[in-house]
């Protein structure tokens, strides 16, 4: 089964709890891939290749932490200013940006240089300082 079809099937499957056991069984994320659509209108341009839980969850299931994303969608409003501390590769930043819209502002902090590079790629690199 090709990767795109597998991702489509997995994203439609109605489960939340057994995510970790499922992720352990899925193949590793390829080192290079085309932009991956996440839930909503978001796209992941770059992640980590390999077997880590964050990348596998984003690549195969379309989001890392659905409970957090649901809470953010209820709490963040258009034109809000929000902060993501420990932004990693940007999946939560993308969710927040979608919630606050073009008149809102997302401030993201990421201390690890390797993650910061991926964060910049995923959010478009706009107005991101070291």
Protein backbone atom coordinates (compact mmCIF):
# COMPACT_ATOMS: atom_id res chain seq x y z
CA UNK A 1 0.00 0.00 0.00
CA UNK A 2 1.52 3.35 -0.95
CA UNK A 3 2.17 6.03 1.69
CA UNK A 4 -0.50 8.46 0.50
CA UNK A 5 -3.24 5.83 0.58
CA UNK A 6 -2.10 4.56 3.98
CA UNK A 7 -2.16 8.12 5.40
CA UNK A 8 -5.66 8.70 3.97
CA UNK A 9 -6.99 5.52 5.60
CA UNK A 10 -5.32 6.20 8.95
CA UNK A 11 -6.62 9.77 9.16
CA UNK A 12 -10.19 8.61 8.72
CA UNK A 13 -9.96 5.92 11.38
CA UNK A 14 -11.93 6.96 14.52
CA UNK A 15 -9.43 6.38 17.31
CA UNK A 16 -7.40 8.47 19.70
CA UNK A 17 -6.09 6.36 22.56
CA UNK A 18 -4.09 3.55 20.91
CA UNK A 19 -2.01 6.04 18.92
CA UNK A 20 1.38 5.09 20.37
CA UNK A 21 0.91 1.37 19.79
CA UNK A 22 -0.21 2.07 16.22
CA UNK A 23 2.69 4.47 15.60
CA UNK A 24 5.17 1.79 16.68
CA UNK A 25 3.84 -0.47 13.91
CA UNK A 26 3.96 2.11 11.13
CA UNK A 27 7.01 2.48 8.88
CA UNK A 28 9.52 5.25 9.62
CA UNK A 29 9.02 8.66 8.08
CA UNK A 30 11.16 9.10 4.95
CA UNK A 31 14.06 11.55 5.23
CA UNK A 32 12.69 13.61 2.34
CA UNK A 33 9.05 14.04 1.47
CA UNK A 34 6.69 16.37 -0.33
CA UNK A 35 4.68 18.76 1.87
CA UNK A 36 2.26 16.74 3.98
CA UNK A 37 -1.29 18.03 4.53
CA UNK A 38 -2.18 18.10 8.23
CA UNK A 39 -5.68 18.34 9.67
CA UNK A 40 -7.45 21.55 8.72
CA UNK A 41 -5.77 23.66 6.05
CA UNK A 42 -2.25 23.25 7.42
CA UNK A 43 0.71 21.67 5.61
CA UNK A 44 3.94 20.32 7.05
CA UNK A 45 6.83 21.16 4.75
CA UNK A 46 9.58 19.50 6.71
CA UNK A 47 9.82 17.11 9.63
CA UNK A 48 12.20 14.60 11.02
CA UNK A 49 12.87 11.47 9.07
CA UNK A 50 12.91 8.33 11.15
CA UNK A 51 10.98 6.76 13.97
CA UNK A 52 10.24 9.55 16.48
CA UNK A 53 6.64 9.79 17.69
CA UNK A 54 6.11 13.45 16.70
CA UNK A 55 7.13 13.00 13.08
CA UNK A 56 5.32 9.69 12.65
CA UNK A 57 2.16 11.13 14.16
CA UNK A 58 2.26 14.22 11.91
CA UNK A 59 3.21 12.26 8.79
CA UNK A 60 0.81 9.32 9.15
CA UNK A 61 -2.07 10.72 11.24
CA UNK A 62 -2.08 14.42 10.30
CA UNK A 63 -1.57 15.87 13.79
CA UNK A 64 0.57 15.26 16.83
CA UNK A 65 -1.71 15.98 19.76
CA UNK A 66 -5.39 16.15 18.77
CA UNK A 67 -6.51 17.00 22.31
CA UNK A 68 -4.32 20.10 22.42
CA UNK A 69 -5.40 21.18 18.95
CA UNK A 70 -9.08 20.86 19.88
CA UNK A 71 -8.52 22.98 23.00
CA UNK A 72 -6.58 25.60 21.01
CA UNK A 73 -9.35 25.81 18.42
CA UNK A 74 -11.86 26.51 21.20
CA UNK A 75 -9.67 29.05 23.03
CA UNK A 76 -7.80 31.03 20.36
CA UNK A 77 -9.89 33.63 18.55
CA UNK A 78 -9.32 35.64 15.38
CA UNK A 79 -6.94 38.57 15.94
CA UNK A 80 -5.59 37.13 19.23
CA UNK A 81 -1.89 37.17 20.09
CA UNK A 82 -0.78 33.72 21.27
CA UNK A 83 2.52 32.17 22.37
CA UNK A 84 3.96 28.70 21.73
CA UNK A 85 6.95 28.01 23.96
CA UNK A 86 8.93 25.02 22.75
CA UNK A 87 7.49 25.20 19.24
CA UNK A 88 9.52 22.22 17.98
CA UNK A 89 8.88 21.90 14.22
CA UNK A 90 5.73 24.03 14.22
CA UNK A 91 2.63 21.82 14.22
CA UNK A 92 1.07 23.75 17.12
CA UNK A 93 2.21 27.06 15.61
CA UNK A 94 0.37 26.15 12.39
CA UNK A 95 -2.78 25.27 14.34
CA UNK A 96 -2.61 28.55 16.28
CA UNK A 97 -1.99 30.56 13.11
CA UNK A 98 -5.08 29.02 11.57
CA UNK A 99 -7.10 29.95 14.68
CA UNK A 100 -5.98 33.58 15.01
CA UNK A 101 -6.08 34.26 11.29
CA UNK A 102 -4.32 36.99 9.31
CA UNK A 103 -5.02 39.70 11.91
CA UNK A 104 -3.66 37.60 14.79
CA UNK A 105 -0.11 36.99 15.89
CA UNK A 106 1.68 33.79 16.93
CA UNK A 107 4.90 34.18 18.91
CA UNK A 108 6.93 30.96 18.92
CA UNK A 109 10.07 30.11 20.88
CA UNK A 110 12.32 27.18 19.98
CA UNK A 111 15.77 26.85 21.62
CA UNK A 112 17.16 23.95 19.55
CA UNK A 113 18.83 25.12 16.31
CA UNK A 114 17.95 21.94 14.39
CA UNK A 115 14.27 22.32 15.33
CA UNK A 116 14.36 26.05 14.61
CA UNK A 117 15.44 25.39 11.02
CA UNK A 118 12.49 23.00 10.52
CA UNK A 119 10.14 25.44 12.26
CA UNK A 120 11.16 28.19 9.86
CA UNK A 121 10.54 25.94 6.88
CA UNK A 122 7.13 24.81 8.13
CA UNK A 123 5.81 28.28 8.93
CA UNK A 124 7.30 29.94 5.90
CA UNK A 125 10.30 31.53 7.63
CA UNK A 126 8.56 34.87 7.92
CA UNK A 127 9.59 37.16 10.77
CA UNK A 128 11.44 34.43 12.65
CA UNK A 129 14.50 35.64 14.50
CA UNK A 130 17.26 33.68 16.22
